[in-house]
C-alpha atoms as a PDB file:
ATOM      1  CA  MET A   1     -11.587 -15.910 -15.172  1.00  0.00           C
ATOM      2  CA  SER A   2     -12.617 -15.358 -11.266  1.00  0.00           C
ATOM      3  CA  SER A   3     -15.997 -13.922 -10.626  1.00  0.00           C
ATOM      4  CA  TYR A   4     -15.132 -11.448  -7.872  1.00  0.00           C
ATOM      5  CA  SER A   5     -12.188  -9.188  -6.667  1.00  0.00           C
ATOM      6  CA  ARG A   6     -11.177  -8.895  -3.239  1.00  0.00           C
ATOM      7  CA  ILE A   7      -8.964  -6.469  -1.109  1.00  0.00           C
ATOM      8  CA  THR A   8      -5.885  -8.645   0.003  1.00  0.00           C
ATOM      9  CA  GLY A   9      -3.801  -5.851   1.571  1.00  0.00           C
ATOM     10  CA  THR A  10      -3.997  -2.310   2.676  1.00  0.00           C
ATOM     11  CA  GLY A  11      -1.577   0.489   3.180  1.00  0.00           C
ATOM     12  CA  SER A  12      -0.955   4.504   3.993  1.00  0.00           C
ATOM     13  CA  TYR A  13       1.387   7.129   4.249  1.00  0.00           C
ATOM     14  CA  LEU A  14       1.620  10.562   5.887  1.00  0.00           C
ATOM     15  CA  PRO A  15       4.133  12.923   5.318  1.00  0.00           C
ATOM     16  CA  PRO A  16       6.228  13.702   8.682  1.00  0.00           C
ATOM     17  CA  LYS A  17       5.254  17.300   8.958  1.00  0.00           C
ATOM     18  CA  ARG A  18       2.488  17.344  11.376  1.00  0.00           C
ATOM     19  CA  LEU A  19       0.525  20.714  11.904  1.00  0.00           C
ATOM     20  CA  SER A  20      -1.553  21.317  14.800  1.00  0.00           C
ATOM     21  CA  ASN A  21      -4.568  23.683  14.775  1.00  0.00           C
ATOM     22  CA  ALA A  22      -2.303  25.926  17.039  1.00  0.00           C
ATOM     23  CA  ASP A  23       0.355  25.793  14.113  1.00  0.00           C
ATOM     24  CA  MET A  24      -2.217  26.870  11.639  1.00  0.00           C
ATOM     25  CA  VAL A  25      -3.710  29.762  13.831  1.00  0.00           C
ATOM     26  CA  ALA A  26       0.274  31.042  14.017  1.00  0.00           C
ATOM     27  CA  ARG A  27       0.498  30.483  10.516  1.00  0.00           C
ATOM     28  CA  LEU A  28      -2.781  32.638   9.679  1.00  0.00           C
ATOM     29  CA  ALA A  29      -1.673  35.397  12.158  1.00  0.00           C
ATOM     30  CA  GLN A  30       1.364  35.972  10.274  1.00  0.00           C
ATOM     31  CA  ASP A  31      -1.173  37.480   7.478  1.00  0.00           C
ATOM     32  CA  GLY A  32      -3.439  39.023  10.089  1.00  0.00           C
ATOM     33  CA  ILE A  33      -6.141  36.361   9.727  1.00  0.00           C
ATOM     34  CA  GLU A  34      -7.722  35.308  12.907  1.00  0.00           C
ATOM     35  CA  THR A  35      -8.944  31.791  13.827  1.00  0.00           C
ATOM     36  CA  SER A  36      -8.679  29.431  16.769  1.00  0.00           C
ATOM     37  CA  ASP A  37      -8.646  25.956  17.713  1.00  0.00           C
ATOM     38  CA  ASP A  38     -12.211  25.924  19.063  1.00  0.00           C
ATOM     39  CA  TRP A  39     -13.385  27.553  15.614  1.00  0.00           C
ATOM     40  CA  ILE A  40     -11.746  24.856  13.437  1.00  0.00           C
ATOM     41  CA  VAL A  41     -12.840  21.999  15.714  1.00  0.00           C
ATOM     42  CA  GLU A  42     -16.230  23.129  16.372  1.00  0.00           C
ATOM     43  CA  ARG A  43     -16.877  23.241  12.373  1.00  0.00           C
ATOM     44  CA  SER A  44     -14.998  20.434  11.388  1.00  0.00           C
ATOM     45  CA  GLY A  45     -13.720  17.961  14.139  1.00  0.00           C
ATOM     46  CA  ILE A  46     -10.174  18.510  12.752  1.00  0.00           C
ATOM     47  CA  ARG A  47      -7.370  18.947  15.204  1.00  0.00           C
ATOM     48  CA  ALA A  48      -4.264  18.143  13.010  1.00  0.00           C
ATOM     49  CA  ARG A  49      -3.050  17.585   9.633  1.00  0.00           C
ATOM     50  CA  HIS A  50       0.093  16.489   7.662  1.00  0.00           C
ATOM     51  CA  PHE A  51       1.807  18.561   4.892  1.00  0.00           C
ATOM     52  CA  ALA A  52       4.370  17.432   2.378  1.00  0.00           C
ATOM     53  CA  ASP A  53       7.792  19.022   2.280  1.00  0.00           C
ATOM     54  CA  GLU A  54       9.029  20.950  -0.862  1.00  0.00           C
ATOM     55  CA  GLY A  55      10.534  18.453  -3.537  1.00  0.00           C
ATOM     56  CA  VAL A  56       8.053  15.560  -2.421  1.00  0.00           C
ATOM     57  CA  PHE A  57       5.440  14.604  -4.981  1.00  0.00           C
ATOM     58  CA  CYS A  58       2.122  12.978  -5.039  1.00  0.00           C
ATOM     59  CA  SER A  59       3.792   9.756  -6.458  1.00  0.00           C
ATOM     60  CA  ASP A  60       6.202   9.619  -3.558  1.00  0.00           C
ATOM     61  CA  LEU A  61       3.635   9.344  -0.937  1.00  0.00           C
ATOM     62  CA  ALA A  62       1.451   6.692  -3.070  1.00  0.00           C
ATOM     63  CA  LEU A  63       4.856   4.824  -3.395  1.00  0.00           C
ATOM     64  CA  HIS A  64       5.109   4.558   0.334  1.00  0.00           C
ATOM     65  CA  ALA A  65       1.418   3.289   0.951  1.00  0.00           C
ATOM     66  CA  CYS A  66       1.640   0.816  -1.909  1.00  0.00           C
ATOM     67  CA  GLN A  67       4.778  -0.668  -0.580  1.00  0.00           C
ATOM     68  CA  ALA A  68       2.904  -1.216   2.624  1.00  0.00           C
ATOM     69  CA  ALA A  69      -0.114  -2.630   0.735  1.00  0.00           C
ATOM     70  CA  LEU A  70       1.869  -4.924  -1.094  1.00  0.00           C
ATOM     71  CA  GLN A  71       3.888  -6.202   2.005  1.00  0.00           C
ATOM     72  CA  ALA A  72       0.383  -6.719   3.879  1.00  0.00           C
ATOM     73  CA  ALA A  73      -1.001  -8.799   0.533  1.00  0.00           C
ATOM     74  CA  GLY A  74       2.398 -10.635   0.440  1.00  0.00           C
ATOM     75  CA  ARG A  75       2.581  -9.598  -3.171  1.00  0.00           C
ATOM     76  CA  SER A  76       5.525  -8.304  -5.165  1.00  0.00           C
ATOM     77  CA  ALA A  77       5.415  -5.299  -7.235  1.00  0.00           C
ATOM     78  CA  SER A  78       6.084  -7.554 -10.424  1.00  0.00           C
ATOM     79  CA  GLU A  79       2.862  -9.116  -9.981  1.00  0.00           C
ATOM     80  CA  VAL A  80       0.781  -6.057 -10.384  1.00  0.00           C
ATOM     81  CA  ASP A  81      -0.965  -5.811 -13.734  1.00  0.00           C
ATOM     82  CA  LEU A  82      -2.999  -2.555 -13.143  1.00  0.00           C
ATOM     83  CA  ILE A  83      -2.402   0.644 -11.146  1.00  0.00           C
ATOM     84  CA  ILE A  84      -5.120   3.184 -10.885  1.00  0.00           C
ATOM     85  CA  VAL A  85      -4.208   6.501  -8.876  1.00  0.00           C
ATOM     86  CA  ALA A  86      -6.900   8.672  -7.649  1.00  0.00           C
ATOM     87  CA  THR A  87      -5.781  12.267  -7.401  1.00  0.00           C
ATOM     88  CA  SER A  88      -6.565  15.920  -8.035  1.00  0.00           C
ATOM     89  CA  THR A  89      -3.151  16.965  -7.279  1.00  0.00           C
ATOM     90  CA  PRO A  90      -0.767  15.094  -9.859  1.00  0.00           C
ATOM     91  CA  ASP A  91       3.015  15.207  -9.972  1.00  0.00           C
ATOM     92  CA  MET A  92       2.510  17.111 -13.439  1.00  0.00           C
ATOM     93  CA  VAL A  93       0.028  17.952 -16.365  1.00  0.00           C
ATOM     94  CA  PHE A  94       1.079  14.680 -17.878  1.00  0.00           C
ATOM     95  CA  PRO A  95       2.019  11.820 -17.797  1.00  0.00           C
ATOM     96  CA  SER A  96      -0.229  10.269 -15.132  1.00  0.00           C
ATOM     97  CA  THR A  97       0.866   9.984 -11.693  1.00  0.00           C
ATOM     98  CA  ALA A  98       0.040   6.390 -11.928  1.00  0.00           C
ATOM     99  CA  CYS A  99       2.587   5.884 -14.654  1.00  0.00           C
ATOM    100  CA  ILE A 100       5.029   7.783 -12.618  1.00  0.00           C
ATOM    101  CA  LEU A 101       4.169   5.563  -9.669  1.00  0.00           C
ATOM    102  CA  GLN A 102       4.732   2.370 -11.806  1.00  0.00           C
ATOM    103  CA  GLY A 103       8.119   3.166 -12.728  1.00  0.00           C
ATOM    104  CA  LYS A 104       9.016   4.059  -9.025  1.00  0.00           C
ATOM    105  CA  LEU A 105       7.376   0.749  -7.925  1.00  0.00           C
ATOM    106  CA  GLY A 106       9.163  -1.200 -10.820  1.00  0.00           C
ATOM    107  CA  ALA A 107       5.853  -2.689 -11.715  1.00  0.00           C
ATOM    108  CA  VAL A 108       6.055  -1.760 -15.423  1.00  0.00           C
ATOM    109  CA  GLY A 109       3.913  -3.527 -18.160  1.00  0.00           C
ATOM    110  CA  GLY A 110       0.248  -3.526 -16.654  1.00  0.00           C
ATOM    111  CA  ALA A 111      -2.054  -0.776 -17.322  1.00  0.00           C
ATOM    112  CA  ALA A 112      -1.683   2.444 -15.476  1.00  0.00           C
ATOM    113  CA  PHE A 113      -3.676   5.420 -15.282  1.00  0.00           C
ATOM    114  CA  ASP A 114      -5.422   8.165 -12.996  1.00  0.00           C
ATOM    115  CA  VAL A 115      -9.017   8.977 -11.963  1.00  0.00           C
ATOM    116  CA  GLN A 116     -10.076  12.306 -11.229  1.00  0.00           C
ATOM    117  CA  ALA A 117     -13.211  12.423  -9.064  1.00  0.00           C
ATOM    118  CA  VAL A 118     -11.838  14.586  -6.269  1.00  0.00           C
ATOM    119  CA  CYS A 119     -12.790  13.457  -2.819  1.00  0.00           C
ATOM    120  CA  SER A 120     -14.908  10.441  -4.427  1.00  0.00           C
ATOM    121  CA  GLY A 121     -11.774   9.365  -6.519  1.00  0.00           C
ATOM    122  CA  PHE A 122     -10.860   6.250  -4.191  1.00  0.00           C
ATOM    123  CA  VAL A 123     -14.476   4.974  -4.586  1.00  0.00           C
ATOM    124  CA  TYR A 124     -14.536   5.591  -8.238  1.00  0.00           C
ATOM    125  CA  ALA A 125     -10.995   4.064  -8.636  1.00  0.00           C
ATOM    126  CA  LEU A 126     -11.892   0.877  -6.947  1.00  0.00           C
ATOM    127  CA  THR A 127     -15.130   0.612  -8.923  1.00  0.00           C
ATOM    128  CA  VAL A 128     -13.032   0.560 -12.059  1.00  0.00           C
ATOM    129  CA  ALA A 129     -10.641  -1.649 -10.766  1.00  0.00           C
ATOM    130  CA  ASP A 130     -13.480  -4.130  -9.691  1.00  0.00           C
ATOM    131  CA  SER A 131     -15.027  -4.143 -13.028  1.00  0.00           C
ATOM    132  CA  LEU A 132     -11.590  -4.608 -14.903  1.00  0.00           C
ATOM    133  CA  ILE A 133     -10.863  -7.566 -12.740  1.00  0.00           C
ATOM    134  CA  LYS A 134     -14.127  -9.052 -13.086  1.00  0.00           C
ATOM    135  CA  THR A 135     -13.965  -9.127 -17.089  1.00  0.00           C
ATOM    136  CA  GLY A 136     -10.521 -10.749 -16.808  1.00  0.00           C
ATOM    137  CA  SER A 137      -8.659  -7.734 -17.906  1.00  0.00           C
ATOM    138  CA  ALA A 138      -6.520  -7.748 -14.635  1.00  0.00           C
ATOM    139  CA  ARG A 139      -5.642  -9.880 -11.853  1.00  0.00           C
ATOM    140  CA  CYS A 140      -3.746  -7.792  -9.372  1.00  0.00           C
ATOM    141  CA  ALA A 141      -4.307  -4.410  -8.914  1.00  0.00           C
ATOM    142  CA  LEU A 142      -3.074  -1.287  -6.911  1.00  0.00           C
ATOM    143  CA  VAL A 143      -5.939   1.105  -6.255  1.00  0.00           C
ATOM    144  CA  VAL A 144      -4.408   4.230  -4.740  1.00  0.00           C
ATOM    145  CA  GLY A 145      -5.767   7.490  -3.336  1.00  0.00           C
ATOM    146  CA  ALA A 146      -2.802  10.208  -2.969  1.00  0.00           C
ATOM    147  CA  GLU A 147      -3.101  14.054  -2.249  1.00  0.00           C
ATOM    148  CA  ILE A 148      -0.919  17.008  -1.883  1.00  0.00           C
ATOM    149  CA  PHE A 149      -3.667  19.503  -1.104  1.00  0.00           C
ATOM    150  CA  SER A 150      -1.447  22.039   0.741  1.00  0.00           C
ATOM    151  CA  ARG A 151      -0.322  23.263  -2.489  1.00  0.00           C
ATOM    152  CA  ILE A 152      -3.541  24.558  -3.930  1.00  0.00           C
ATOM    153  CA  LEU A 153      -4.862  25.960  -0.496  1.00  0.00           C
ATOM    154  CA  ASP A 154      -5.572  29.785  -0.142  1.00  0.00           C
ATOM    155  CA  PHE A 155      -4.124  30.603   3.059  1.00  0.00           C
ATOM    156  CA  LYS A 156      -5.919  33.852   3.251  1.00  0.00           C
ATOM    157  CA  ASP A 157      -9.166  31.787   3.351  1.00  0.00           C
ATOM    158  CA  ARG A 158      -9.374  30.511   6.806  1.00  0.00           C
ATOM    159  CA  GLY A 159     -12.843  28.724   6.146  1.00  0.00           C
ATOM    160  CA  THR A 160     -11.016  26.316   3.672  1.00  0.00           C
ATOM    161  CA  CYS A 161      -7.174  26.447   4.342  1.00  0.00           C
ATOM    162  CA  VAL A 162      -7.467  24.702   7.870  1.00  0.00           C
ATOM    163  CA  LEU A 163      -9.690  21.794   6.592  1.00  0.00           C
ATOM    164  CA  PHE A 164      -7.316  19.967   4.209  1.00  0.00           C
ATOM    165  CA  GLY A 165      -4.198  17.712   4.313  1.00  0.00           C
ATOM    166  CA  ASP A 166      -1.672  15.516   2.383  1.00  0.00           C
ATOM    167  CA  GLY A 167      -1.468  11.793   2.470  1.00  0.00           C
ATOM    168  CA  ALA A 168      -1.652   8.499   0.406  1.00  0.00           C
ATOM    169  CA  GLY A 169      -3.924   5.111   1.094  1.00  0.00           C
ATOM    170  CA  ALA A 170      -3.722   1.950  -1.174  1.00  0.00           C
ATOM    171  CA  VAL A 171      -5.367  -1.418  -1.384  1.00  0.00           C
ATOM    172  CA  VAL A 172      -4.145  -4.474  -3.390  1.00  0.00           C
ATOM    173  CA  LEU A 173      -7.219  -5.625  -5.260  1.00  0.00           C
ATOM    174  CA  GLU A 174      -7.141  -9.144  -6.673  1.00  0.00           C
ATOM    175  CA  ALA A 175      -9.228 -11.668  -8.547  1.00  0.00           C
ATOM    176  CA  SER A 176     -10.932 -14.107  -6.091  1.00  0.00           C
ATOM    177  CA  ASP A 177     -13.254 -17.193  -6.426  1.00  0.00           C
ATOM    178  CA  THR A 178     -15.057 -15.675  -3.160  1.00  0.00           C
ATOM    179  CA  PRO A 179     -17.008 -12.493  -3.016  1.00  0.00           C
ATOM    180  CA  GLY A 180     -15.219  -9.373  -1.822  1.00  0.00           C
ATOM    181  CA  ILE A 181     -16.360  -6.204  -3.443  1.00  0.00           C
ATOM    182  CA  LEU A 182     -20.307  -6.820  -3.283  1.00  0.00           C
ATOM    183  CA  SER A 183     -21.680  -3.817  -4.946  1.00  0.00           C
ATOM    184  CA  THR A 184     -20.680  -0.280  -6.087  1.00  0.00           C
ATOM    185  CA  ASP A 185     -22.678   2.995  -6.827  1.00  0.00           C
ATOM    186  CA  LEU A 186     -21.293   6.007  -8.584  1.00  0.00           C
ATOM    187  CA  HIS A 187     -22.792   9.486  -9.627  1.00  0.00           C
ATOM    188  CA  ALA A 188     -22.028  13.005 -10.709  1.00  0.00           C
ATOM    189  CA  ASP A 189     -23.901  16.026 -11.295  1.00  0.00           C
ATOM    190  CA  GLY A 190     -21.828  18.777 -13.230  1.00  0.00           C
ATOM    191  CA  ARG A 191     -24.549  21.424 -12.285  1.00  0.00           C
ATOM    192  CA  HIS A 192     -22.711  21.847  -9.018  1.00  0.00           C
ATOM    193  CA  VAL A 193     -19.193  22.320 -10.693  1.00  0.00           C
ATOM    194  CA  ASP A 194     -18.885  26.005  -8.998  1.00  0.00           C
ATOM    195  CA  ILE A 195     -19.583  25.000  -5.074  1.00  0.00           C
ATOM    196  CA  LEU A 196     -16.131  22.996  -5.033  1.00  0.00           C
ATOM    197  CA  CYS A 197     -13.255  23.860  -7.393  1.00  0.00           C
ATOM    198  CA  VAL A 198      -9.917  24.770  -8.164  1.00  0.00           C
ATOM    199  CA  PRO A 199     -10.646  27.268 -11.473  1.00  0.00           C
ATOM    200  CA  GLY A 200      -7.313  27.730 -12.817  1.00  0.00           C
ATOM    201  CA  HIS A 201      -5.160  25.784 -15.799  1.00  0.00           C
ATOM    202  CA  VAL A 202      -2.067  26.007 -17.585  1.00  0.00           C
ATOM    203  CA  GLN A 203      -1.527  28.145 -20.695  1.00  0.00           C
ATOM    204  CA  GLY A 204       1.377  29.485 -22.578  1.00  0.00           C
ATOM    205  CA  GLY A 205       3.546  28.478 -19.871  1.00  0.00           C
ATOM    206  CA  ALA A 206       1.725  30.443 -17.067  1.00  0.00           C
ATOM    207  CA  VAL A 207      -1.094  29.745 -14.817  1.00  0.00           C
ATOM    208  CA  SER A 208      -4.595  30.919 -16.190  1.00  0.00           C
ATOM    209  CA  GLY A 209      -7.501  31.422 -13.640  1.00  0.00           C
ATOM    210  CA  VAL A 210      -7.151  31.044  -9.624  1.00  0.00           C
ATOM    211  CA  PRO A 211      -5.070  27.711  -9.128  1.00  0.00           C
ATOM    212  CA  LEU A 212      -6.426  27.729  -5.434  1.00  0.00           C
ATOM    213  CA  LEU A 213      -9.152  25.740  -4.029  1.00  0.00           C
ATOM    214  CA  LYS A 214     -12.827  27.495  -3.696  1.00  0.00           C
ATOM    215  CA  MET A 215     -15.613  26.192  -1.609  1.00  0.00           C
ATOM    216  CA  ALA A 216     -19.082  27.057  -0.631  1.00  0.00           C
ATOM    217  CA  GLY A 217     -19.098  25.266   2.605  1.00  0.00           C
ATOM    218  CA  GLN A 218     -22.669  25.505   3.385  1.00  0.00           C
ATOM    219  CA  ALA A 219     -23.796  24.213  -0.232  1.00  0.00           C
ATOM    220  CA  VAL A 220     -21.554  21.336  -0.122  1.00  0.00           C
ATOM    221  CA  PHE A 221     -22.868  20.135   3.230  1.00  0.00           C
ATOM    222  CA  LYS A 222     -26.283  20.512   2.272  1.00  0.00           C
ATOM    223  CA  LEU A 223     -25.714  18.297  -0.987  1.00  0.00           C
ATOM    224  CA  ALA A 224     -23.482  15.812   0.744  1.00  0.00           C
ATOM    225  CA  VAL A 225     -25.715  14.500   3.471  1.00  0.00           C
ATOM    226  CA  GLY A 226     -28.458  13.999   1.014  1.00  0.00           C
ATOM    227  CA  VAL A 227     -26.418  12.050  -1.619  1.00  0.00           C
ATOM    228  CA  LEU A 228     -24.267  10.059   0.499  1.00  0.00           C
ATOM    229  CA  GLU A 229     -27.537   8.417   2.205  1.00  0.00           C
ATOM    230  CA  ASP A 230     -28.926   7.605  -1.262  1.00  0.00           C
ATOM    231  CA  ALA A 231     -25.648   6.052  -2.233  1.00  0.00           C
ATOM    232  CA  ALA A 232     -25.212   3.931   1.017  1.00  0.00           C
ATOM    233  CA  ARG A 233     -29.024   2.700   0.399  1.00  0.00           C
ATOM    234  CA  ALA A 234     -28.142   1.956  -3.156  1.00  0.00           C
ATOM    235  CA  VAL A 235     -25.135  -0.322  -2.337  1.00  0.00           C
ATOM    236  CA  LEU A 236     -26.954  -2.091   0.430  1.00  0.00           C
ATOM    237  CA  SER A 237     -29.990  -2.656  -2.127  1.00  0.00           C
ATOM    238  CA  LYS A 238     -27.817  -4.202  -4.819  1.00  0.00           C
ATOM    239  CA  ALA A 239     -26.188  -6.620  -2.355  1.00  0.00           C
ATOM    240  CA  GLY A 240     -29.312  -7.557  -0.592  1.00  0.00           C
ATOM    241  CA  LYS A 241     -27.915  -6.186   2.704  1.00  0.00           C
ATOM    242  CA  THR A 242     -29.407  -4.286   5.453  1.00  0.00           C
ATOM    243  CA  GLU A 243     -28.105  -1.533   7.453  1.00  0.00           C
ATOM    244  CA  ALA A 244     -27.746  -3.832  10.597  1.00  0.00           C
ATOM    245  CA  GLU A 245     -25.384  -5.968   8.701  1.00  0.00           C
ATOM    246  CA  ILE A 246     -22.819  -3.184   8.222  1.00  0.00           C
ATOM    247  CA  ASP A 247     -19.929  -3.844  10.478  1.00  0.00           C
ATOM    248  CA  TRP A 248     -18.081  -0.612   9.624  1.00  0.00           C
ATOM    249  CA  LEU A 249     -18.748   2.519   7.913  1.00  0.00           C
ATOM    250  CA  VAL A 250     -15.351   4.050   6.427  1.00  0.00           C
ATOM    251  CA  PRO A 251     -16.487   7.486   5.077  1.00  0.00           C
ATOM    252  CA  HIS A 252     -14.664  10.289   3.273  1.00  0.00           C
ATOM    253  CA  GLN A 253     -13.079  12.038   6.245  1.00  0.00           C
ATOM    254  CA  ALA A 254     -14.346  15.799   5.261  1.00  0.00           C
ATOM    255  CA  ASN A 255     -16.323  16.948   8.379  1.00  0.00           C
ATOM    256  CA  ILE A 256     -17.347  15.377  11.550  1.00  0.00           C
ATOM    257  CA  ARG A 257     -20.872  16.818  11.133  1.00  0.00           C
ATOM    258  CA  ILE A 258     -21.244  15.298   7.656  1.00  0.00           C
ATOM    259  CA  ILE A 259     -20.173  11.948   9.043  1.00  0.00           C
ATOM    260  CA  GLN A 260     -22.262  12.100  12.001  1.00  0.00           C
ATOM    261  CA  SER A 261     -25.413  12.924   9.678  1.00  0.00           C
ATOM    262  CA  THR A 262     -24.569  10.106   7.571  1.00  0.00           C
ATOM    263  CA  ALA A 263     -24.335   7.421  10.344  1.00  0.00           C
ATOM    264  CA  LYS A 264     -27.487   8.881  12.142  1.00  0.00           C
ATOM    265  CA  LYS A 265     -29.570   8.204   8.982  1.00  0.00           C
ATOM    266  CA  LEU A 266     -28.060   4.682   8.684  1.00  0.00           C
ATOM    267  CA  LYS A 267     -28.959   4.153  12.095  1.00  0.00           C
ATOM    268  CA  LEU A 268     -25.332   3.398  12.749  1.00  0.00           C
ATOM    269  CA  PRO A 269     -23.735   4.008  16.202  1.00  0.00           C
ATOM    270  CA  MET A 270     -20.380   6.153  15.857  1.00  0.00           C
ATOM    271  CA  ASP A 271     -18.298   3.234  17.327  1.00  0.00           C
ATOM    272  CA  LYS A 272     -19.082   1.624  13.984  1.00  0.00           C
ATOM    273  CA  VAL A 273     -17.547   4.333  12.093  1.00  0.00           C
ATOM    274  CA  MET A 274     -13.974   4.935  11.405  1.00  0.00           C
ATOM    275  CA  LEU A 275     -12.839   8.500  12.118  1.00  0.00           C
ATOM    276  CA  THR A 276      -9.230   9.918  11.312  1.00  0.00           C
ATOM    277  CA  VAL A 277     -10.761  13.403  10.313  1.00  0.00           C
ATOM    278  CA  ASP A 278      -9.379  14.706  13.609  1.00  0.00           C
ATOM    279  CA  GLN A 279      -5.746  13.993  13.056  1.00  0.00           C
ATOM    280  CA  HIS A 280      -5.520  13.901   9.127  1.00  0.00           C
ATOM    281  CA  GLY A 281      -7.990  16.724   7.965  1.00  0.00           C
ATOM    282  CA  ASN A 282      -9.620  16.283   4.592  1.00  0.00           C
ATOM    283  CA  THR A 283      -7.022  14.228   2.525  1.00  0.00           C
ATOM    284  CA  SER A 284      -9.501  14.140  -0.568  1.00  0.00           C
ATOM    285  CA  ALA A 285      -9.137  11.035  -2.678  1.00  0.00           C
ATOM    286  CA  ALA A 286      -6.501   9.577  -0.099  1.00  0.00           C
ATOM    287  CA  SER A 287      -8.831  10.005   2.959  1.00  0.00           C
ATOM    288  CA  ILE A 288     -11.088   6.439   2.526  1.00  0.00           C
ATOM    289  CA  ALA A 289      -7.981   4.457   1.748  1.00  0.00           C
ATOM    290  CA  LEU A 290      -6.213   6.146   4.863  1.00  0.00           C
ATOM    291  CA  ALA A 291      -8.894   5.329   7.345  1.00  0.00           C
ATOM    292  CA  LEU A 292      -9.444   1.990   6.079  1.00  0.00           C
ATOM    293  CA  ASP A 293      -5.686   1.238   6.684  1.00  0.00           C
ATOM    294  CA  VAL A 294      -5.987   2.717  10.231  1.00  0.00           C
ATOM    295  CA  GLY A 295      -8.846   0.463  10.836  1.00  0.00           C
ATOM    296  CA  VAL A 296      -7.460  -2.704   9.607  1.00  0.00           C
ATOM    297  CA  ARG A 297      -3.841  -2.275  11.155  1.00  0.00           C
ATOM    298  CA  GLY A 298      -5.371  -0.852  14.423  1.00  0.00           C
ATOM    299  CA  GLY A 299      -7.304  -4.314  14.591  1.00  0.00           C
ATOM    300  CA  LEU A 300     -10.901  -2.908  14.301  1.00  0.00           C
ATOM    301  CA  ILE A 301     -11.728  -3.807  11.153  1.00  0.00           C
ATOM    302  CA  GLN A 302     -11.190  -7.456  10.540  1.00  0.00           C
ATOM    303  CA  ARG A 303     -11.457 -10.109   7.634  1.00  0.00           C
ATOM    304  CA  GLY A 304     -14.814 -11.196   6.906  1.00  0.00           C
ATOM    305  CA  GLN A 305     -16.460  -8.040   8.176  1.00  0.00           C
ATOM    306  CA  THR A 306     -19.032  -6.053   5.995  1.00  0.00           C
ATOM    307  CA  VAL A 307     -17.701  -2.631   5.296  1.00  0.00           C
ATOM    308  CA  LEU A 308     -19.177   0.688   3.616  1.00  0.00           C
ATOM    309  CA  LEU A 309     -16.995   2.956   1.892  1.00  0.00           C
ATOM    310  CA  GLU A 310     -18.660   6.288   0.789  1.00  0.00           C
ATOM    311  CA  GLY A 311     -17.452   9.367  -0.635  1.00  0.00           C
ATOM    312  CA  VAL A 312     -18.533  12.986  -2.040  1.00  0.00           C
ATOM    313  CA  GLY A 313     -16.369  15.444  -3.827  1.00  0.00           C
ATOM    314  CA  GLY A 314     -16.051  18.249  -6.363  1.00  0.00           C
ATOM    315  CA  GLY A 315     -17.585  17.704  -9.682  1.00  0.00           C
ATOM    316  CA  PHE A 316     -20.006  17.278  -7.783  1.00  0.00           C
ATOM    317  CA  THR A 317     -19.177  13.367  -7.601  1.00  0.00           C
ATOM    318  CA  TRP A 318     -20.458  10.823  -5.073  1.00  0.00           C
ATOM    319  CA  GLY A 319     -20.437   7.053  -4.620  1.00  0.00           C
ATOM    320  CA  ALA A 320     -20.147   3.994  -2.552  1.00  0.00           C
ATOM    321  CA  VAL A 321     -18.870   0.540  -2.209  1.00  0.00           C
ATOM    322  CA  LEU A 322     -20.069  -2.322  -0.143  1.00  0.00           C
ATOM    323  CA  LEU A 323     -17.385  -5.249   0.622  1.00  0.00           C
ATOM    324  CA  THR A 324     -16.466  -8.011   2.581  1.00  0.00           C
ATOM    325  CA  LEU A 325     -12.752  -7.542   3.865  1.00  0.00           C
END
């Protein structure tokens, strides 16, 4: 039994439809809601996002990302014995998006399930996969973050609808004799459920409640910057590493100001921080895996480097993973 797990391939996918801030301004203006490119950029750093077309599902985005990750790892779908999909926008109530994805990949037989921790989902899923590999329950896992947030946005709320986008990111995580995942740290505080949620559910064949995203932006910001620093320091401590040994910070891409604040607290220059929020928006559980793949394929994040992943999301959930690529 191998003692470690290691990322051997990364992949990502963005739906073709790209909406600039100007496109969003025009869309909101149709309902008499005023906003501007400057207003969006100043508050979030976001300049564009991608939306999935009608008839496209979360598993479809995940499929493309997984195929790219498998190709990068030199693995076939038949070698995969674990699929974990982190998502808040599943294809259906059940079965899991992971099972649907498994069928589309042709990777049947291994375990497949979803993880729901909203924007922290990929960190949660990677931690679970790492644990299952270390116990010998799996040897080759697909860990995926995939979201279609455009379908749960309230386009009458300019403060939230301009922030989110759709996409998917995936990694192949394999059993290894050399360290890959160095340490993990997960947390949640259910007292803060109301500050970021979609308060709706299906009942009697109809939607009960409000199936649209609700967010108290200031409360989320205040909580996020504190817990992200704590999680980062926790994984560094567990691994016996210091801030100076971090080659790359790959944070959840929610808001440029949260990212800048976290980097400052860790004494990291912004040229060591992967940024995709300007072009992707907040893709929730997909954002960290998307940003990681952009960094790897762009030749920035390289083998042997120490990488810190961290995220915070509704629940309220947060966590971090420290790894050697």
